[in-house]
C-alpha atoms as a PDB file:
ATOM      1  CA  MET A   1     122.722  48.127  56.542  1.00  0.00           C
ATOM      2  CA  ALA A   2     125.495  50.637  56.839  1.00  0.00           C
ATOM      3  CA  LYS A   3     128.545  49.507  58.740  1.00  0.00           C
ATOM      4  CA  GLU A   4     131.629  51.082  60.214  1.00  0.00           C
ATOM      5  CA  THR A   5     134.502  51.050  57.742  1.00  0.00           C
ATOM      6  CA  GLY A   6     138.079  50.605  58.911  1.00  0.00           C
ATOM      7  CA  THR A   7     140.822  53.131  58.170  1.00  0.00           C
ATOM      8  CA  GLY A   8     143.611  50.566  58.304  1.00  0.00           C
ATOM      9  CA  ALA A   9     145.715  52.520  60.773  1.00  0.00           C
ATOM     10  CA  PRO A  10     146.307  50.722  64.045  1.00  0.00           C
ATOM     11  CA  GLY A  11     144.588  52.294  67.016  1.00  0.00           C
ATOM     12  CA  GLU A  12     142.335  54.443  64.837  1.00  0.00           C
ATOM     13  CA  PHE A  13     138.601  54.014  64.768  1.00  0.00           C
ATOM     14  CA  SER A  14     136.500  53.897  61.672  1.00  0.00           C
ATOM     15  CA  ALA A  15     133.996  56.438  60.464  1.00  0.00           C
ATOM     16  CA  LYS A  16     130.605  55.950  62.066  1.00  0.00           C
ATOM     17  CA  ASP A  17     127.192  56.072  60.467  1.00  0.00           C
ATOM     18  CA  TYR A  18     125.751  57.540  63.667  1.00  0.00           C
ATOM     19  CA  GLN A  19     126.609  60.398  65.992  1.00  0.00           C
ATOM     20  CA  ASP A  20     126.943  59.984  69.754  1.00  0.00           C
ATOM     21  CA  PRO A  21     125.902  63.048  71.745  1.00  0.00           C
ATOM     22  CA  PRO A  22     128.786  64.673  73.644  1.00  0.00           C
ATOM     23  CA  PRO A  23     129.131  63.646  77.316  1.00  0.00           C
ATOM     24  CA  ALA A  24     127.221  65.854  79.705  1.00  0.00           C
ATOM     25  CA  PRO A  25     129.426  67.950  82.007  1.00  0.00           C
ATOM     26  CA  LEU A  26     129.570  66.830  85.610  1.00  0.00           C
ATOM     27  CA  ILE A  27     128.518  70.251  86.883  1.00  0.00           C
ATOM     28  CA  ASP A  28     126.566  72.468  84.514  1.00  0.00           C
ATOM     29  CA  SER A  29     125.516  75.611  86.355  1.00  0.00           C
ATOM     30  CA  VAL A  30     124.381  77.166  83.065  1.00  0.00           C
ATOM     31  CA  GLU A  31     121.335  74.893  83.184  1.00  0.00           C
ATOM     32  CA  LEU A  32     120.048  76.751  86.222  1.00  0.00           C
ATOM     33  CA  ARG A  33     119.579  79.874  84.088  1.00  0.00           C
ATOM     34  CA  ARG A  34     117.521  78.181  81.392  1.00  0.00           C
ATOM     35  CA  TRP A  35     113.729  77.946  81.337  1.00  0.00           C
ATOM     36  CA  SER A  36     113.976  74.610  79.518  1.00  0.00           C
ATOM     37  CA  PHE A  37     115.605  73.127  82.635  1.00  0.00           C
ATOM     38  CA  TYR A  38     112.739  74.153  84.915  1.00  0.00           C
ATOM     39  CA  ARG A  39     110.208  73.083  82.304  1.00  0.00           C
ATOM     40  CA  ALA A  40     111.822  69.640  82.377  1.00  0.00           C
ATOM     41  CA  LEU A  41     111.588  69.552  86.184  1.00  0.00           C
ATOM     42  CA  ILE A  42     107.889  70.392  86.016  1.00  0.00           C
ATOM     43  CA  ALA A  43     107.390  67.650  83.418  1.00  0.00           C
ATOM     44  CA  GLU A  44     109.112  65.078  85.653  1.00  0.00           C
ATOM     45  CA  PHE A  45     107.067  66.186  88.673  1.00  0.00           C
ATOM     46  CA  ILE A  46     103.716  65.982  86.878  1.00  0.00           C
ATOM     47  CA  ALA A  47     104.567  62.715  85.096  1.00  0.00           C
ATOM     48  CA  THR A  48     105.566  60.999  88.347  1.00  0.00           C
ATOM     49  CA  LEU A  49     102.472  62.383  90.088  1.00  0.00           C
ATOM     50  CA  LEU A  50     100.207  60.958  87.392  1.00  0.00           C
ATOM     51  CA  PHE A  51     102.108  57.668  87.373  1.00  0.00           C
ATOM     52  CA  LEU A  52     101.637  57.122  91.110  1.00  0.00           C
ATOM     53  CA  TYR A  53      98.045  58.314  91.102  1.00  0.00           C
ATOM     54  CA  ILE A  54      96.882  55.880  88.420  1.00  0.00           C
ATOM     55  CA  THR A  55      98.954  52.886  89.507  1.00  0.00           C
ATOM     56  CA  VAL A  56      98.312  53.087  93.247  1.00  0.00           C
ATOM     57  CA  LEU A  57      94.596  53.548  92.565  1.00  0.00           C
ATOM     58  CA  THR A  58      94.731  50.393  90.465  1.00  0.00           C
ATOM     59  CA  VAL A  59      96.411  48.431  93.264  1.00  0.00           C
ATOM     60  CA  ILE A  60      93.908  49.602  95.902  1.00  0.00           C
ATOM     61  CA  GLY A  61      90.975  49.010  93.571  1.00  0.00           C
ATOM     62  CA  TYR A  62      92.123  45.458  92.913  1.00  0.00           C
ATOM     63  CA  LYS A  63      92.491  44.700  96.632  1.00  0.00           C
ATOM     64  CA  SER A  64      89.057  46.104  97.435  1.00  0.00           C
ATOM     65  CA  GLN A  65      87.450  44.081  94.649  1.00  0.00           C
ATOM     66  CA  THR A  66      89.006  40.835  95.896  1.00  0.00           C
ATOM     67  CA  ASP A  67      88.342  41.443  99.600  1.00  0.00           C
ATOM     68  CA  PRO A  68      85.877  38.825 100.928  1.00  0.00           C
ATOM     69  CA  LEU A  69      84.644  41.361 103.470  1.00  0.00           C
ATOM     70  CA  MET A  70      83.542  43.533 100.554  1.00  0.00           C
ATOM     71  CA  ASN A  71      81.828  40.590  98.824  1.00  0.00           C
ATOM     72  CA  GLY A  72      84.811  40.256  96.534  1.00  0.00           C
ATOM     73  CA  GLY A  73      86.243  37.067  95.100  1.00  0.00           C
ATOM     74  CA  ASP A  74      89.500  35.724  93.733  1.00  0.00           C
ATOM     75  CA  CYS A  75      88.306  36.437  90.199  1.00  0.00           C
ATOM     76  CA  GLY A  76      87.334  40.019  90.947  1.00  0.00           C
ATOM     77  CA  GLY A  77      89.304  43.057  89.873  1.00  0.00           C
ATOM     78  CA  VAL A  78      92.034  43.379  87.297  1.00  0.00           C
ATOM     79  CA  GLY A  79      94.379  40.833  88.880  1.00  0.00           C
ATOM     80  CA  ILE A  80      98.177  40.927  88.924  1.00  0.00           C
ATOM     81  CA  LEU A  81      98.174  41.021  85.132  1.00  0.00           C
ATOM     82  CA  GLY A  82      96.047  44.162  85.176  1.00  0.00           C
ATOM     83  CA  ILE A  83      98.274  45.811  87.786  1.00  0.00           C
ATOM     84  CA  ALA A  84     101.333  45.063  85.668  1.00  0.00           C
ATOM     85  CA  TRP A  85      99.559  46.558  82.647  1.00  0.00           C
ATOM     86  CA  ALA A  86      98.716  49.672  84.628  1.00  0.00           C
ATOM     87  CA  PHE A  87     102.361  50.263  85.546  1.00  0.00           C
ATOM     88  CA  GLY A  88     103.752  49.389  82.129  1.00  0.00           C
ATOM     89  CA  GLY A  89     101.025  51.232  80.252  1.00  0.00           C
ATOM     90  CA  MET A  90     101.439  54.411  82.266  1.00  0.00           C
ATOM     91  CA  ILE A  91     105.195  54.380  81.710  1.00  0.00           C
ATOM     92  CA  PHE A  92     104.604  53.994  77.971  1.00  0.00           C
ATOM     93  CA  VAL A  93     102.147  56.896  77.899  1.00  0.00           C
ATOM     94  CA  LEU A  94     104.153  59.224  80.134  1.00  0.00           C
ATOM     95  CA  VAL A  95     107.534  58.558  78.508  1.00  0.00           C
ATOM     96  CA  TYR A  96     105.912  59.205  75.139  1.00  0.00           C
ATOM     97  CA  CYS A  97     104.474  62.503  76.411  1.00  0.00           C
ATOM     98  CA  THR A  98     107.563  63.808  78.204  1.00  0.00           C
ATOM     99  CA  ALA A  99     110.516  62.373  76.284  1.00  0.00           C
ATOM    100  CA  GLY A 100     110.893  65.500  74.179  1.00  0.00           C
ATOM    101  CA  ILE A 101     110.794  67.775  77.230  1.00  0.00           C
ATOM    102  CA  SER A 102     112.705  66.060  80.026  1.00  0.00           C
ATOM    103  CA  GLY A 103     113.752  62.752  78.533  1.00  0.00           C
ATOM    104  CA  GLY A 104     110.881  60.975  80.294  1.00  0.00           C
ATOM    105  CA  HIS A 105     112.862  59.484  83.196  1.00  0.00           C
ATOM    106  CA  ILE A 106     110.049  59.329  85.833  1.00  0.00           C
ATOM    107  CA  ASN A 107     112.374  57.210  87.967  1.00  0.00           C
ATOM    108  CA  PRO A 108     115.451  58.131  90.039  1.00  0.00           C
ATOM    109  CA  ALA A 109     117.088  54.822  89.095  1.00  0.00           C
ATOM    110  CA  VAL A 110     116.813  55.652  85.391  1.00  0.00           C
ATOM    111  CA  THR A 111     118.185  59.129  86.065  1.00  0.00           C
ATOM    112  CA  PHE A 112     121.055  57.631  88.084  1.00  0.00           C
ATOM    113  CA  GLY A 113     121.947  55.211  85.302  1.00  0.00           C
ATOM    114  CA  LEU A 114     121.931  57.977  82.698  1.00  0.00           C
ATOM    115  CA  PHE A 115     124.067  60.142  84.989  1.00  0.00           C
ATOM    116  CA  LEU A 116     126.671  57.387  85.318  1.00  0.00           C
ATOM    117  CA  ALA A 117     126.729  57.139  81.523  1.00  0.00           C
ATOM    118  CA  ARG A 118     127.200  60.928  81.349  1.00  0.00           C
ATOM    119  CA  LYS A 119     123.904  61.481  79.594  1.00  0.00           C
ATOM    120  CA  VAL A 120     122.834  64.097  82.164  1.00  0.00           C
ATOM    121  CA  SER A 121     124.774  66.404  84.470  1.00  0.00           C
ATOM    122  CA  LEU A 122     124.937  66.024  88.238  1.00  0.00           C
ATOM    123  CA  VAL A 123     122.800  69.140  88.694  1.00  0.00           C
ATOM    124  CA  ARG A 124     120.070  67.822  86.401  1.00  0.00           C
ATOM    125  CA  ALA A 125     120.229  64.335  87.922  1.00  0.00           C
ATOM    126  CA  VAL A 126     119.802  65.581  91.495  1.00  0.00           C
ATOM    127  CA  MET A 127     117.009  68.006  90.613  1.00  0.00           C
ATOM    128  CA  TYR A 128     115.196  65.338  88.564  1.00  0.00           C
ATOM    129  CA  MET A 129     115.286  62.963  91.528  1.00  0.00           C
ATOM    130  CA  VAL A 130     113.888  65.641  93.842  1.00  0.00           C
ATOM    131  CA  ALA A 131     111.085  66.443  91.369  1.00  0.00           C
ATOM    132  CA  GLN A 132     110.282  62.762  90.913  1.00  0.00           C
ATOM    133  CA  CYS A 133     110.089  62.079  94.650  1.00  0.00           C
ATOM    134  CA  LEU A 134     107.912  65.136  95.288  1.00  0.00           C
ATOM    135  CA  GLY A 135     105.645  64.148  92.401  1.00  0.00           C
ATOM    136  CA  ALA A 136     105.323  60.620  93.773  1.00  0.00           C
ATOM    137  CA  ILE A 137     104.392  61.876  97.242  1.00  0.00           C
ATOM    138  CA  CYS A 138     101.775  64.219  95.798  1.00  0.00           C
ATOM    139  CA  GLY A 139     100.372  61.500  93.537  1.00  0.00           C
ATOM    140  CA  VAL A 140      99.863  59.061  96.403  1.00  0.00           C
ATOM    141  CA  GLY A 141      98.513  61.913  98.510  1.00  0.00           C
ATOM    142  CA  LEU A 142      95.786  62.443  95.932  1.00  0.00           C
ATOM    143  CA  VAL A 143      94.914  58.754  96.091  1.00  0.00           C
ATOM    144  CA  LYS A 144      94.539  58.935  99.879  1.00  0.00           C
ATOM    145  CA  ALA A 145      92.448  62.098  99.585  1.00  0.00           C
ATOM    146  CA  PHE A 146      90.028  60.482  97.107  1.00  0.00           C
ATOM    147  CA  GLN A 147      90.017  56.955  98.575  1.00  0.00           C
ATOM    148  CA  ARG A 148      90.468  57.622 102.280  1.00  0.00           C
ATOM    149  CA  SER A 149      88.174  54.769 103.363  1.00  0.00           C
ATOM    150  CA  TYR A 150      90.108  52.184 101.356  1.00  0.00           C
ATOM    151  CA  TYR A 151      93.632  53.606 101.371  1.00  0.00           C
ATOM    152  CA  THR A 152      94.966  52.451 104.752  1.00  0.00           C
ATOM    153  CA  ARG A 153      92.864  49.277 104.823  1.00  0.00           C
ATOM    154  CA  TYR A 154      94.510  47.977 101.643  1.00  0.00           C
ATOM    155  CA  GLY A 155      98.102  48.914 102.312  1.00  0.00           C
ATOM    156  CA  GLY A 156      98.311  52.257 100.552  1.00  0.00           C
ATOM    157  CA  GLY A 157     100.056  50.742  97.556  1.00  0.00           C
ATOM    158  CA  ALA A 158     103.287  50.642  99.571  1.00  0.00           C
ATOM    159  CA  ASN A 159     106.131  48.336  98.574  1.00  0.00           C
ATOM    160  CA  MET A 160     106.843  45.725 101.240  1.00  0.00           C
ATOM    161  CA  LEU A 161     108.717  42.462 101.226  1.00  0.00           C
ATOM    162  CA  ALA A 162     106.229  39.596 101.093  1.00  0.00           C
ATOM    163  CA  SER A 163     106.225  37.034 103.873  1.00  0.00           C
ATOM    164  CA  GLY A 164     108.308  33.976 103.127  1.00  0.00           C
ATOM    165  CA  TYR A 165     111.030  35.896 101.277  1.00  0.00           C
ATOM    166  CA  SER A 166     114.332  36.982 102.786  1.00  0.00           C
ATOM    167  CA  LYS A 167     115.650  40.527 102.433  1.00  0.00           C
ATOM    168  CA  GLY A 168     118.396  39.145 100.197  1.00  0.00           C
ATOM    169  CA  VAL A 169     115.833  37.730  97.784  1.00  0.00           C
ATOM    170  CA  GLY A 170     113.943  41.011  97.780  1.00  0.00           C
ATOM    171  CA  LEU A 171     117.122  42.969  97.126  1.00  0.00           C
ATOM    172  CA  ALA A 172     118.104  40.643  94.282  1.00  0.00           C
ATOM    173  CA  ALA A 173     114.636  40.980  92.730  1.00  0.00           C
ATOM    174  CA  GLU A 174     114.955  44.771  92.769  1.00  0.00           C
ATOM    175  CA  ILE A 175     118.493  44.700  91.340  1.00  0.00           C
ATOM    176  CA  ILE A 176     117.587  42.381  88.462  1.00  0.00           C
ATOM    177  CA  GLY A 177     114.278  44.095  87.756  1.00  0.00           C
ATOM    178  CA  THR A 178     115.885  47.527  87.577  1.00  0.00           C
ATOM    179  CA  PHE A 179     118.701  46.150  85.442  1.00  0.00           C
ATOM    180  CA  VAL A 180     116.121  44.971  82.902  1.00  0.00           C
ATOM    181  CA  LEU A 181     114.423  48.373  82.882  1.00  0.00           C
ATOM    182  CA  VAL A 182     117.527  50.555  82.635  1.00  0.00           C
ATOM    183  CA  TYR A 183     119.161  48.246  80.089  1.00  0.00           C
ATOM    184  CA  THR A 184     116.021  48.603  77.971  1.00  0.00           C
ATOM    185  CA  VAL A 185     116.160  52.393  78.316  1.00  0.00           C
ATOM    186  CA  PHE A 186     119.763  52.463  77.090  1.00  0.00           C
ATOM    187  CA  SER A 187     119.031  50.097  74.197  1.00  0.00           C
ATOM    188  CA  ALA A 188     115.826  51.847  73.083  1.00  0.00           C
ATOM    189  CA  THR A 189     117.511  55.270  73.040  1.00  0.00           C
ATOM    190  CA  ASP A 190     120.876  54.199  71.615  1.00  0.00           C
ATOM    191  CA  PRO A 191     121.836  56.518  68.695  1.00  0.00           C
ATOM    192  CA  LYS A 192     123.497  53.571  66.946  1.00  0.00           C
ATOM    193  CA  ARG A 193     120.184  51.691  66.914  1.00  0.00           C
ATOM    194  CA  SER A 194     118.342  54.753  65.613  1.00  0.00           C
ATOM    195  CA  ALA A 195     120.783  55.113  62.718  1.00  0.00           C
ATOM    196  CA  ARG A 196     121.148  51.472  61.705  1.00  0.00           C
ATOM    197  CA  ASP A 197     117.610  50.288  62.322  1.00  0.00           C
ATOM    198  CA  SER A 198     115.947  53.331  60.774  1.00  0.00           C
ATOM    199  CA  HIS A 199     114.089  51.032  58.384  1.00  0.00           C
ATOM    200  CA  VAL A 200     112.386  49.427  61.375  1.00  0.00           C
ATOM    201  CA  PRO A 201     109.818  51.763  62.967  1.00  0.00           C
ATOM    202  CA  ILE A 202     110.555  51.707  66.696  1.00  0.00           C
ATOM    203  CA  LEU A 203     108.903  53.769  69.351  1.00  0.00           C
ATOM    204  CA  ALA A 204     111.281  53.975  72.321  1.00  0.00           C
ATOM    205  CA  PRO A 205     108.549  54.255  74.994  1.00  0.00           C
ATOM    206  CA  LEU A 206     107.011  50.961  73.862  1.00  0.00           C
ATOM    207  CA  PRO A 207     109.855  48.581  74.837  1.00  0.00           C
ATOM    208  CA  ILE A 208     110.416  50.599  78.016  1.00  0.00           C
ATOM    209  CA  GLY A 209     106.763  50.177  78.985  1.00  0.00           C
ATOM    210  CA  PHE A 210     106.914  46.473  78.163  1.00  0.00           C
ATOM    211  CA  ALA A 211     110.014  46.084  80.331  1.00  0.00           C
ATOM    212  CA  VAL A 212     108.135  47.596  83.278  1.00  0.00           C
ATOM    213  CA  PHE A 213     105.179  45.310  82.545  1.00  0.00           C
ATOM    214  CA  MET A 214     107.283  42.140  82.443  1.00  0.00           C
ATOM    215  CA  VAL A 215     109.256  42.991  85.578  1.00  0.00           C
ATOM    216  CA  HIS A 216     106.018  43.594  87.482  1.00  0.00           C
ATOM    217  CA  LEU A 217     104.690  40.192  86.469  1.00  0.00           C
ATOM    218  CA  ALA A 218     107.810  38.570  87.904  1.00  0.00           C
ATOM    219  CA  THR A 219     108.322  40.548  91.105  1.00  0.00           C
ATOM    220  CA  ILE A 220     104.892  41.673  92.355  1.00  0.00           C
ATOM    221  CA  PRO A 221     104.655  38.472  94.482  1.00  0.00           C
ATOM    222  CA  ILE A 222     108.066  39.229  96.062  1.00  0.00           C
ATOM    223  CA  THR A 223     108.289  42.962  96.760  1.00  0.00           C
ATOM    224  CA  GLY A 224     105.212  44.423  95.105  1.00  0.00           C
ATOM    225  CA  THR A 225     107.753  45.621  92.512  1.00  0.00           C
ATOM    226  CA  GLY A 226     109.634  48.780  93.266  1.00  0.00           C
ATOM    227  CA  ILE A 227     112.339  49.330  90.588  1.00  0.00           C
ATOM    228  CA  ASN A 228     111.557  53.019  91.116  1.00  0.00           C
ATOM    229  CA  PRO A 229     112.708  54.625  94.384  1.00  0.00           C
ATOM    230  CA  ALA A 230     110.331  57.572  93.945  1.00  0.00           C
ATOM    231  CA  ARG A 231     107.360  55.218  93.645  1.00  0.00           C
ATOM    232  CA  SER A 232     108.403  53.373  96.824  1.00  0.00           C
ATOM    233  CA  LEU A 233     109.169  56.548  98.765  1.00  0.00           C
ATOM    234  CA  GLY A 234     105.927  58.285  97.801  1.00  0.00           C
ATOM    235  CA  ALA A 235     103.811  55.362  98.971  1.00  0.00           C
ATOM    236  CA  ALA A 236     105.823  54.947 102.185  1.00  0.00           C
ATOM    237  CA  VAL A 237     105.564  58.628 103.114  1.00  0.00           C
ATOM    238  CA  ILE A 238     101.781  58.764 102.733  1.00  0.00           C
ATOM    239  CA  TYR A 239     101.069  55.279 104.133  1.00  0.00           C
ATOM    240  CA  ASN A 240     103.615  55.830 106.951  1.00  0.00           C
ATOM    241  CA  LYS A 241     103.544  52.411 108.581  1.00  0.00           C
ATOM    242  CA  GLU A 242     106.504  50.657 110.170  1.00  0.00           C
ATOM    243  CA  LYS A 243     106.681  47.765 107.706  1.00  0.00           C
ATOM    244  CA  ALA A 244     106.903  50.088 104.705  1.00  0.00           C
ATOM    245  CA  TRP A 245     109.803  51.975 106.299  1.00  0.00           C
ATOM    246  CA  ASP A 246     111.585  48.806 107.492  1.00  0.00           C
ATOM    247  CA  ASP A 247     111.922  47.588 103.893  1.00  0.00           C
ATOM    248  CA  GLN A 248     112.452  50.989 102.294  1.00  0.00           C
ATOM    249  CA  TRP A 249     116.222  50.583 101.932  1.00  0.00           C
ATOM    250  CA  ILE A 250     115.678  47.625  99.603  1.00  0.00           C
ATOM    251  CA  PHE A 251     113.825  49.880  97.158  1.00  0.00           C
ATOM    252  CA  TRP A 252     116.705  52.363  97.003  1.00  0.00           C
ATOM    253  CA  VAL A 253     119.801  50.175  97.195  1.00  0.00           C
ATOM    254  CA  GLY A 254     118.454  47.550  94.772  1.00  0.00           C
ATOM    255  CA  PRO A 255     117.377  49.919  91.978  1.00  0.00           C
ATOM    256  CA  PHE A 256     120.549  51.999  92.201  1.00  0.00           C
ATOM    257  CA  ILE A 257     122.768  48.914  91.998  1.00  0.00           C
ATOM    258  CA  GLY A 258     120.700  47.550  89.089  1.00  0.00           C
ATOM    259  CA  ALA A 259     120.898  50.891  87.261  1.00  0.00           C
ATOM    260  CA  ALA A 260     124.677  51.078  87.757  1.00  0.00           C
ATOM    261  CA  LEU A 261     125.152  47.536  86.441  1.00  0.00           C
ATOM    262  CA  ALA A 262     122.973  48.261  83.396  1.00  0.00           C
ATOM    263  CA  ALA A 263     124.888  51.467  82.640  1.00  0.00           C
ATOM    264  CA  PHE A 264     128.219  49.657  82.901  1.00  0.00           C
ATOM    265  CA  TYR A 265     127.038  46.720  80.786  1.00  0.00           C
ATOM    266  CA  HIS A 266     125.657  48.869  77.983  1.00  0.00           C
ATOM    267  CA  GLN A 267     128.338  51.548  77.875  1.00  0.00           C
ATOM    268  CA  PHE A 268     131.487  49.515  78.512  1.00  0.00           C
ATOM    269  CA  ILE A 269     130.648  46.059  77.187  1.00  0.00           C
ATOM    270  CA  LEU A 270     128.019  46.361  74.469  1.00  0.00           C
ATOM    271  CA  ARG A 271     129.276  49.741  73.271  1.00  0.00           C
ATOM    272  CA  ALA A 272     132.889  48.804  74.110  1.00  0.00           C
ATOM    273  CA  GLY A 273     133.497  52.146  75.792  1.00  0.00           C
ATOM    274  CA  ALA A 274     136.500  50.884  77.746  1.00  0.00           C
ATOM    275  CA  VAL A 275     138.113  49.307  74.663  1.00  0.00           C
ATOM    276  CA  LYS A 276     137.619  52.463  72.594  1.00  0.00           C
ATOM    277  CA  ALA A 277     139.046  54.638  75.333  1.00  0.00           C
ATOM    278  CA  LEU A 278     142.099  52.386  75.615  1.00  0.00           C
ATOM    279  CA  GLY A 279     142.560  52.376  71.840  1.00  0.00           C
ATOM    280  CA  SER A 280     142.336  56.163  71.725  1.00  0.00           C
ATOM    281  CA  PHE A 281     144.915  56.401  74.511  1.00  0.00           C
ATOM    282  CA  ARG A 282     147.349  54.092  72.708  1.00  0.00           C
ATOM    283  CA  SER A 283     146.940  55.883  69.395  1.00  0.00           C
ATOM    284  CA  ASN A 284     147.873  59.272  70.936  1.00  0.00           C
ATOM    285  CA  PRO A 285     151.609  59.742  70.375  1.00  0.00           C
ATOM    286  CA  HIS A 286     151.841  62.257  73.225  1.00  0.00           C
ATOM    287  CA  ASN A 287     150.818  59.665  75.863  1.00  0.00           C
END
């Protein structure tokens, strides 16, 4: 495995066997004049629409199949394991399909984390979040249109804090769950990993999908698993019941805090961004 080799000079950094992309500008108005930017927005909109359509249908289908009033039983339907697979599997498929077009974010928390790490500009981050939220609303709207008789009866797939859990527990579950997801995104797309582990075939969407799957297994009993503000907002808008709106802040504050912590951990601790910046500052004789 290739390694960084030291130059011997204090404060200087060794040659790298990988290339980090340059930081994205904070404001990049040039993007607004490029078709590729709008193509990426369309990709995020459609991907989030499909994500919510399939996953919310799965949730409602499971509840209808286990409803005693519908002659269902505890062993009917796909179960929590199947719901977790639906969410994780759809993320795997959609990230694989859209990664080369938009980066395959499909989640405002992921976009926020990448913005903090200067992987995307502020303009792109804001527009991605808008496209994702609109896609989520449309996706859940399709579910209600096709399953109107079941949609409201079975909760509309909305995220709500389960009885017996405090808001603090729900918030912590969302923070930790989103941390796991965004940390996985950073690790799976790290250029250093791509260069040094090139002998190991790795498909970035696979660990990201598995992260979503595992987090859902852990947190479905607590919050129904948000870790994606667009997913929570889309379901709340279409379901439009008081309980879904009362808990909505948890599914924005938690994921954004978790994404920020994951970005800081990966960029400044694992990748030693702060240490490198300090070393570069000390090695500059003009400072």
